[in-house]
């Protein structure tokens, strides 16, 4: 005996779930078996897909003990189904997971269209790596005083600087420049 779900679409393909309450054959007659089936009426060539089967509890949550995730399987016109011949023992299902003579299985299907690979030379042409002259770029910003946000007064002369650069180079400036203003004890060397 077999029970078939309604058909559903995933990425342009028709699918259904088949459940065998008495197993696929005599060898697994004590087990509930589940399969994912490619249900397209016409041949579509090979379809690569992955299935994740979950037995659901009474409130619809997955039962982790009865979760099965497959690797990618190739479905074709000659091999249209893939699944688990020993999904759950029938006695366990009946005693723990059967509600009003029913149980639910969720199946998440992922169809893989193409795995795109690029050669190393192709990737290099796609990625523009900036030159390794960051120190020069930072130097140019410091010299131009663009974004300067603190002024140091030394011997009556003002020097504009960047708070983050000053703090990175001096633990004293780090403590003074990045403490909340109401916690500052006062600093005669800078304002900002």
C-alpha atoms as a PDB file:
ATOM      1  CA  UNK A   1       0.000   0.000   0.000  1.00  0.00           C
ATOM      2  CA  UNK A   2       1.162   3.519  -0.732  1.00  0.00           C
ATOM      3  CA  UNK A   3      -0.184   6.997  -0.005  1.00  0.00           C
ATOM      4  CA  UNK A   4       0.734   9.876  -2.289  1.00  0.00           C
ATOM      5  CA  UNK A   5       0.652  13.559  -1.383  1.00  0.00           C
ATOM      6  CA  UNK A   6      -0.760  16.226  -3.625  1.00  0.00           C
ATOM      7  CA  UNK A   7       1.620  17.564  -6.225  1.00  0.00           C
ATOM      8  CA  UNK A   8       3.587  20.733  -5.557  1.00  0.00           C
ATOM      9  CA  UNK A   9       6.022  22.902  -7.524  1.00  0.00           C
ATOM     10  CA  UNK A  10       9.608  23.721  -6.631  1.00  0.00           C
ATOM     11  CA  UNK A  11      11.703  25.755  -9.099  1.00  0.00           C
ATOM     12  CA  UNK A  12       9.562  24.806 -12.082  1.00  0.00           C
ATOM     13  CA  UNK A  13       9.448  21.089 -11.299  1.00  0.00           C
ATOM     14  CA  UNK A  14       6.429  19.053 -10.084  1.00  0.00           C
ATOM     15  CA  UNK A  15       6.980  16.867  -7.015  1.00  0.00           C
ATOM     16  CA  UNK A  16       5.043  14.653  -4.623  1.00  0.00           C
ATOM     17  CA  UNK A  17       5.788  12.659  -1.480  1.00  0.00           C
ATOM     18  CA  UNK A  18       5.006   8.951  -1.357  1.00  0.00           C
ATOM     19  CA  UNK A  19       4.543   7.170   1.954  1.00  0.00           C
ATOM     20  CA  UNK A  20       4.578   3.397   2.332  1.00  0.00           C
ATOM     21  CA  UNK A  21       2.968   2.578   5.728  1.00  0.00           C
ATOM     22  CA  UNK A  22       3.929  -1.115   5.350  1.00  0.00           C
ATOM     23  CA  UNK A  23       7.410  -0.517   3.951  1.00  0.00           C
ATOM     24  CA  UNK A  24       8.674  -0.825   0.400  1.00  0.00           C
ATOM     25  CA  UNK A  25       8.977  -4.609   0.637  1.00  0.00           C
ATOM     26  CA  UNK A  26       9.058  -7.527   3.105  1.00  0.00           C
ATOM     27  CA  UNK A  27      12.532  -6.572   4.338  1.00  0.00           C
ATOM     28  CA  UNK A  28      11.289  -3.265   5.796  1.00  0.00           C
ATOM     29  CA  UNK A  29       7.643  -4.166   6.406  1.00  0.00           C
ATOM     30  CA  UNK A  30       7.836  -2.877  10.013  1.00  0.00           C
ATOM     31  CA  UNK A  31       8.928   0.564   8.884  1.00  0.00           C
ATOM     32  CA  UNK A  32       7.253   3.648   7.453  1.00  0.00           C
ATOM     33  CA  UNK A  33       9.035   4.548   4.212  1.00  0.00           C
ATOM     34  CA  UNK A  34       8.966   7.983   2.551  1.00  0.00           C
ATOM     35  CA  UNK A  35      10.125   9.060  -0.899  1.00  0.00           C
ATOM     36  CA  UNK A  36      10.374  12.307  -2.804  1.00  0.00           C
ATOM     37  CA  UNK A  37       9.174  11.800  -6.383  1.00  0.00           C
ATOM     38  CA  UNK A  38       9.756  13.874  -9.491  1.00  0.00           C
ATOM     39  CA  UNK A  39       6.178  14.016 -10.762  1.00  0.00           C
ATOM     40  CA  UNK A  40       6.604  15.875 -14.059  1.00  0.00           C
ATOM     41  CA  UNK A  41       4.459  14.201 -16.683  1.00  0.00           C
ATOM     42  CA  UNK A  42       7.016  14.724 -19.468  1.00  0.00           C
ATOM     43  CA  UNK A  43      10.711  13.929 -19.380  1.00  0.00           C
ATOM     44  CA  UNK A  44      12.680  17.013 -18.371  1.00  0.00           C
ATOM     45  CA  UNK A  45      16.207  15.649 -18.253  1.00  0.00           C
ATOM     46  CA  UNK A  46      18.198  15.378 -15.061  1.00  0.00           C
ATOM     47  CA  UNK A  47      17.061  17.401 -12.052  1.00  0.00           C
ATOM     48  CA  UNK A  48      19.350  17.754  -9.053  1.00  0.00           C
ATOM     49  CA  UNK A  49      17.570  18.181  -5.725  1.00  0.00           C
ATOM     50  CA  UNK A  50      17.984  17.719  -1.997  1.00  0.00           C
ATOM     51  CA  UNK A  51      15.187  16.721   0.389  1.00  0.00           C
ATOM     52  CA  UNK A  52      14.826  17.171   4.128  1.00  0.00           C
ATOM     53  CA  UNK A  53      12.103  15.034   5.712  1.00  0.00           C
ATOM     54  CA  UNK A  54      10.712  15.900   9.157  1.00  0.00           C
ATOM     55  CA  UNK A  55       8.164  13.982  11.170  1.00  0.00           C
ATOM     56  CA  UNK A  56       5.978  16.622  12.839  1.00  0.00           C
ATOM     57  CA  UNK A  57       4.624  16.377  16.365  1.00  0.00           C
ATOM     58  CA  UNK A  58       1.047  17.153  17.413  1.00  0.00           C
ATOM     59  CA  UNK A  59       1.616  20.936  17.308  1.00  0.00           C
ATOM     60  CA  UNK A  60       3.449  20.826  13.975  1.00  0.00           C
ATOM     61  CA  UNK A  61       7.025  21.065  15.260  1.00  0.00           C
ATOM     62  CA  UNK A  62       9.735  18.823  13.758  1.00  0.00           C
ATOM     63  CA  UNK A  63      10.770  15.804  15.819  1.00  0.00           C
ATOM     64  CA  UNK A  64      14.577  15.999  15.663  1.00  0.00           C
ATOM     65  CA  UNK A  65      14.988  12.230  16.079  1.00  0.00           C
ATOM     66  CA  UNK A  66      13.032  11.751  12.856  1.00  0.00           C
ATOM     67  CA  UNK A  67      14.653  14.380  10.661  1.00  0.00           C
ATOM     68  CA  UNK A  68      16.506  13.121   7.603  1.00  0.00           C
ATOM     69  CA  UNK A  69      18.474  15.354   5.253  1.00  0.00           C
ATOM     70  CA  UNK A  70      19.646  13.918   1.957  1.00  0.00           C
ATOM     71  CA  UNK A  71      22.648  14.847  -0.090  1.00  0.00           C
ATOM     72  CA  UNK A  72      21.980  16.177  -3.580  1.00  0.00           C
ATOM     73  CA  UNK A  73      20.323  13.458  -5.672  1.00  0.00           C
ATOM     74  CA  UNK A  74      19.930  13.381  -9.436  1.00  0.00           C
ATOM     75  CA  UNK A  75      16.354  12.632 -10.504  1.00  0.00           C
ATOM     76  CA  UNK A  76      15.847  11.534 -14.101  1.00  0.00           C
ATOM     77  CA  UNK A  77      13.251   9.930 -16.340  1.00  0.00           C
ATOM     78  CA  UNK A  78      14.565   6.506 -15.287  1.00  0.00           C
ATOM     79  CA  UNK A  79      15.156   7.296 -11.604  1.00  0.00           C
ATOM     80  CA  UNK A  80      12.283   9.500 -10.451  1.00  0.00           C
ATOM     81  CA  UNK A  81      12.290   8.911  -6.675  1.00  0.00           C
ATOM     82  CA  UNK A  82      14.603   8.992  -3.693  1.00  0.00           C
ATOM     83  CA  UNK A  83      13.888   8.532  -0.016  1.00  0.00           C
ATOM     84  CA  UNK A  84      14.152   6.562   3.189  1.00  0.00           C
ATOM     85  CA  UNK A  85      13.118   2.936   3.383  1.00  0.00           C
ATOM     86  CA  UNK A  86      13.424   3.035   7.199  1.00  0.00           C
ATOM     87  CA  UNK A  87      12.125   6.462   8.165  1.00  0.00           C
ATOM     88  CA  UNK A  88      10.423   5.423  11.445  1.00  0.00           C
ATOM     89  CA  UNK A  89       9.347   2.086  12.890  1.00  0.00           C
ATOM     90  CA  UNK A  90       5.599   1.664  12.558  1.00  0.00           C
ATOM     91  CA  UNK A  91       5.186   0.711  16.267  1.00  0.00           C
ATOM     92  CA  UNK A  92       6.992   3.909  17.379  1.00  0.00           C
ATOM     93  CA  UNK A  93       4.829   5.995  15.061  1.00  0.00           C
ATOM     94  CA  UNK A  94       1.609   4.379  16.316  1.00  0.00           C
ATOM     95  CA  UNK A  95       2.542   4.631  20.000  1.00  0.00           C
ATOM     96  CA  UNK A  96       3.980   8.159  20.031  1.00  0.00           C
ATOM     97  CA  UNK A  97       3.160  10.195  16.942  1.00  0.00           C
ATOM     98  CA  UNK A  98      -0.199   9.068  15.599  1.00  0.00           C
ATOM     99  CA  UNK A  99      -2.985  11.600  16.337  1.00  0.00           C
ATOM    100  CA  UNK A 100      -6.553  10.774  15.276  1.00  0.00           C
ATOM    101  CA  UNK A 101      -5.118   8.043  13.032  1.00  0.00           C
ATOM    102  CA  UNK A 102      -2.980  10.650  11.227  1.00  0.00           C
ATOM    103  CA  UNK A 103       0.607  11.811  11.175  1.00  0.00           C
ATOM    104  CA  UNK A 104       2.323  14.609   9.292  1.00  0.00           C
ATOM    105  CA  UNK A 105       5.617  14.733   7.465  1.00  0.00           C
ATOM    106  CA  UNK A 106       7.179  17.911   6.187  1.00  0.00           C
ATOM    107  CA  UNK A 107       9.517  17.744   3.219  1.00  0.00           C
ATOM    108  CA  UNK A 108      11.709  20.709   2.272  1.00  0.00           C
ATOM    109  CA  UNK A 109      12.929  20.388  -1.312  1.00  0.00           C
ATOM    110  CA  UNK A 110      15.869  22.337  -2.702  1.00  0.00           C
ATOM    111  CA  UNK A 111      16.384  22.164  -6.455  1.00  0.00           C
ATOM    112  CA  UNK A 112      19.926  22.866  -7.621  1.00  0.00           C
ATOM    113  CA  UNK A 113      19.935  24.374 -11.101  1.00  0.00           C
ATOM    114  CA  UNK A 114      23.622  24.839 -11.743  1.00  0.00           C
ATOM    115  CA  UNK A 115      26.766  24.989  -9.739  1.00  0.00           C
ATOM    116  CA  UNK A 116      28.764  27.822 -11.205  1.00  0.00           C
ATOM    117  CA  UNK A 117      32.530  27.556 -10.976  1.00  0.00           C
ATOM    118  CA  UNK A 118      35.006  30.129 -12.139  1.00  0.00           C
ATOM    119  CA  UNK A 119      38.668  29.550 -12.794  1.00  0.00           C
ATOM    120  CA  UNK A 120      41.167  31.570 -10.807  1.00  0.00           C
ATOM    121  CA  UNK A 121      42.019  33.750 -13.794  1.00  0.00           C
ATOM    122  CA  UNK A 122      38.325  34.521 -14.386  1.00  0.00           C
ATOM    123  CA  UNK A 123      37.897  35.533 -10.736  1.00  0.00           C
ATOM    124  CA  UNK A 124      40.893  37.878 -10.899  1.00  0.00           C
ATOM    125  CA  UNK A 125      39.303  39.750 -13.781  1.00  0.00           C
ATOM    126  CA  UNK A 126      36.081  40.151 -11.758  1.00  0.00           C
ATOM    127  CA  UNK A 127      37.743  41.459  -8.586  1.00  0.00           C
ATOM    128  CA  UNK A 128      39.558  44.766  -8.574  1.00  0.00           C
ATOM    129  CA  UNK A 129      41.966  44.554  -5.664  1.00  0.00           C
ATOM    130  CA  UNK A 130      43.132  47.983  -4.513  1.00  0.00           C
ATOM    131  CA  UNK A 131      46.879  48.597  -4.462  1.00  0.00           C
ATOM    132  CA  UNK A 132      48.770  47.905  -1.235  1.00  0.00           C
ATOM    133  CA  UNK A 133      49.531  51.547  -0.562  1.00  0.00           C
ATOM    134  CA  UNK A 134      47.051  52.160   2.245  1.00  0.00           C
ATOM    135  CA  UNK A 135      49.764  53.887   4.292  1.00  0.00           C
ATOM    136  CA  UNK A 136      50.128  56.463   1.508  1.00  0.00           C
ATOM    137  CA  UNK A 137      46.374  56.993   1.377  1.00  0.00           C
ATOM    138  CA  UNK A 138      46.206  57.529   5.154  1.00  0.00           C
ATOM    139  CA  UNK A 139      49.198  59.853   4.943  1.00  0.00           C
ATOM    140  CA  UNK A 140      47.457  61.953   2.271  1.00  0.00           C
ATOM    141  CA  UNK A 141      44.338  62.274   4.427  1.00  0.00           C
ATOM    142  CA  UNK A 142      46.404  63.315   7.458  1.00  0.00           C
ATOM    143  CA  UNK A 143      48.358  65.898   5.455  1.00  0.00           C
ATOM    144  CA  UNK A 144      45.206  67.382   3.920  1.00  0.00           C
ATOM    145  CA  UNK A 145      43.615  67.587   7.401  1.00  0.00           C
ATOM    146  CA  UNK A 146      40.405  66.256   5.823  1.00  0.00           C
ATOM    147  CA  UNK A 147      38.189  65.013   8.643  1.00  0.00           C
ATOM    148  CA  UNK A 148      40.415  66.459  11.387  1.00  0.00           C
ATOM    149  CA  UNK A 149      38.277  66.500  14.526  1.00  0.00           C
ATOM    150  CA  UNK A 150      40.603  67.591  17.329  1.00  0.00           C
ATOM    151  CA  UNK A 151      42.993  70.519  17.787  1.00  0.00           C
ATOM    152  CA  UNK A 152      46.144  70.378  19.902  1.00  0.00           C
ATOM    153  CA  UNK A 153      47.643  73.620  21.204  1.00  0.00           C
ATOM    154  CA  UNK A 154      51.397  73.400  21.651  1.00  0.00           C
ATOM    155  CA  UNK A 155      53.364  76.511  22.693  1.00  0.00           C
ATOM    156  CA  UNK A 156      50.523  78.732  21.521  1.00  0.00           C
ATOM    157  CA  UNK A 157      50.287  77.090  18.096  1.00  0.00           C
ATOM    158  CA  UNK A 158      47.224  75.058  16.980  1.00  0.00           C
ATOM    159  CA  UNK A 159      47.687  71.654  15.319  1.00  0.00           C
ATOM    160  CA  UNK A 160      44.702  69.939  13.727  1.00  0.00           C
ATOM    161  CA  UNK A 161      44.616  66.143  14.064  1.00  0.00           C
ATOM    162  CA  UNK A 162      42.409  63.096  13.828  1.00  0.00           C
ATOM    163  CA  UNK A 163      41.113  61.833  17.153  1.00  0.00           C
ATOM    164  CA  UNK A 164      41.297  58.174  16.111  1.00  0.00           C
ATOM    165  CA  UNK A 165      44.902  58.439  14.865  1.00  0.00           C
ATOM    166  CA  UNK A 166      46.039  60.240  17.997  1.00  0.00           C
ATOM    167  CA  UNK A 167      44.316  57.712  20.255  1.00  0.00           C
ATOM    168  CA  UNK A 168      45.825  54.807  18.319  1.00  0.00           C
ATOM    169  CA  UNK A 169      49.334  56.147  18.872  1.00  0.00           C
ATOM    170  CA  UNK A 170      49.057  57.154  22.548  1.00  0.00           C
ATOM    171  CA  UNK A 171      47.337  55.503  25.526  1.00  0.00           C
ATOM    172  CA  UNK A 172      47.133  58.922  27.204  1.00  0.00           C
ATOM    173  CA  UNK A 173      45.243  60.367  24.226  1.00  0.00           C
ATOM    174  CA  UNK A 174      43.121  57.200  24.045  1.00  0.00           C
ATOM    175  CA  UNK A 175      42.028  57.691  27.652  1.00  0.00           C
ATOM    176  CA  UNK A 176      41.444  61.403  27.250  1.00  0.00           C
ATOM    177  CA  UNK A 177      39.857  61.540  23.802  1.00  0.00           C
ATOM    178  CA  UNK A 178      37.511  58.567  24.158  1.00  0.00           C
ATOM    179  CA  UNK A 179      36.089  59.140  27.616  1.00  0.00           C
ATOM    180  CA  UNK A 180      32.717  60.726  28.032  1.00  0.00           C
ATOM    181  CA  UNK A 181      33.023  64.502  28.355  1.00  0.00           C
ATOM    182  CA  UNK A 182      31.410  64.525  31.834  1.00  0.00           C
ATOM    183  CA  UNK A 183      34.082  62.079  33.041  1.00  0.00           C
ATOM    184  CA  UNK A 184      37.004  64.134  31.736  1.00  0.00           C
ATOM    185  CA  UNK A 185      39.201  65.557  34.410  1.00  0.00           C
ATOM    186  CA  UNK A 186      40.134  68.385  32.145  1.00  0.00           C
ATOM    187  CA  UNK A 187      42.899  68.482  29.647  1.00  0.00           C
ATOM    188  CA  UNK A 188      44.797  71.631  28.834  1.00  0.00           C
ATOM    189  CA  UNK A 189      46.508  70.062  25.830  1.00  0.00           C
ATOM    190  CA  UNK A 190      43.552  69.687  23.528  1.00  0.00           C
ATOM    191  CA  UNK A 191      40.024  70.668  22.725  1.00  0.00           C
ATOM    192  CA  UNK A 192      37.647  68.806  20.521  1.00  0.00           C
END
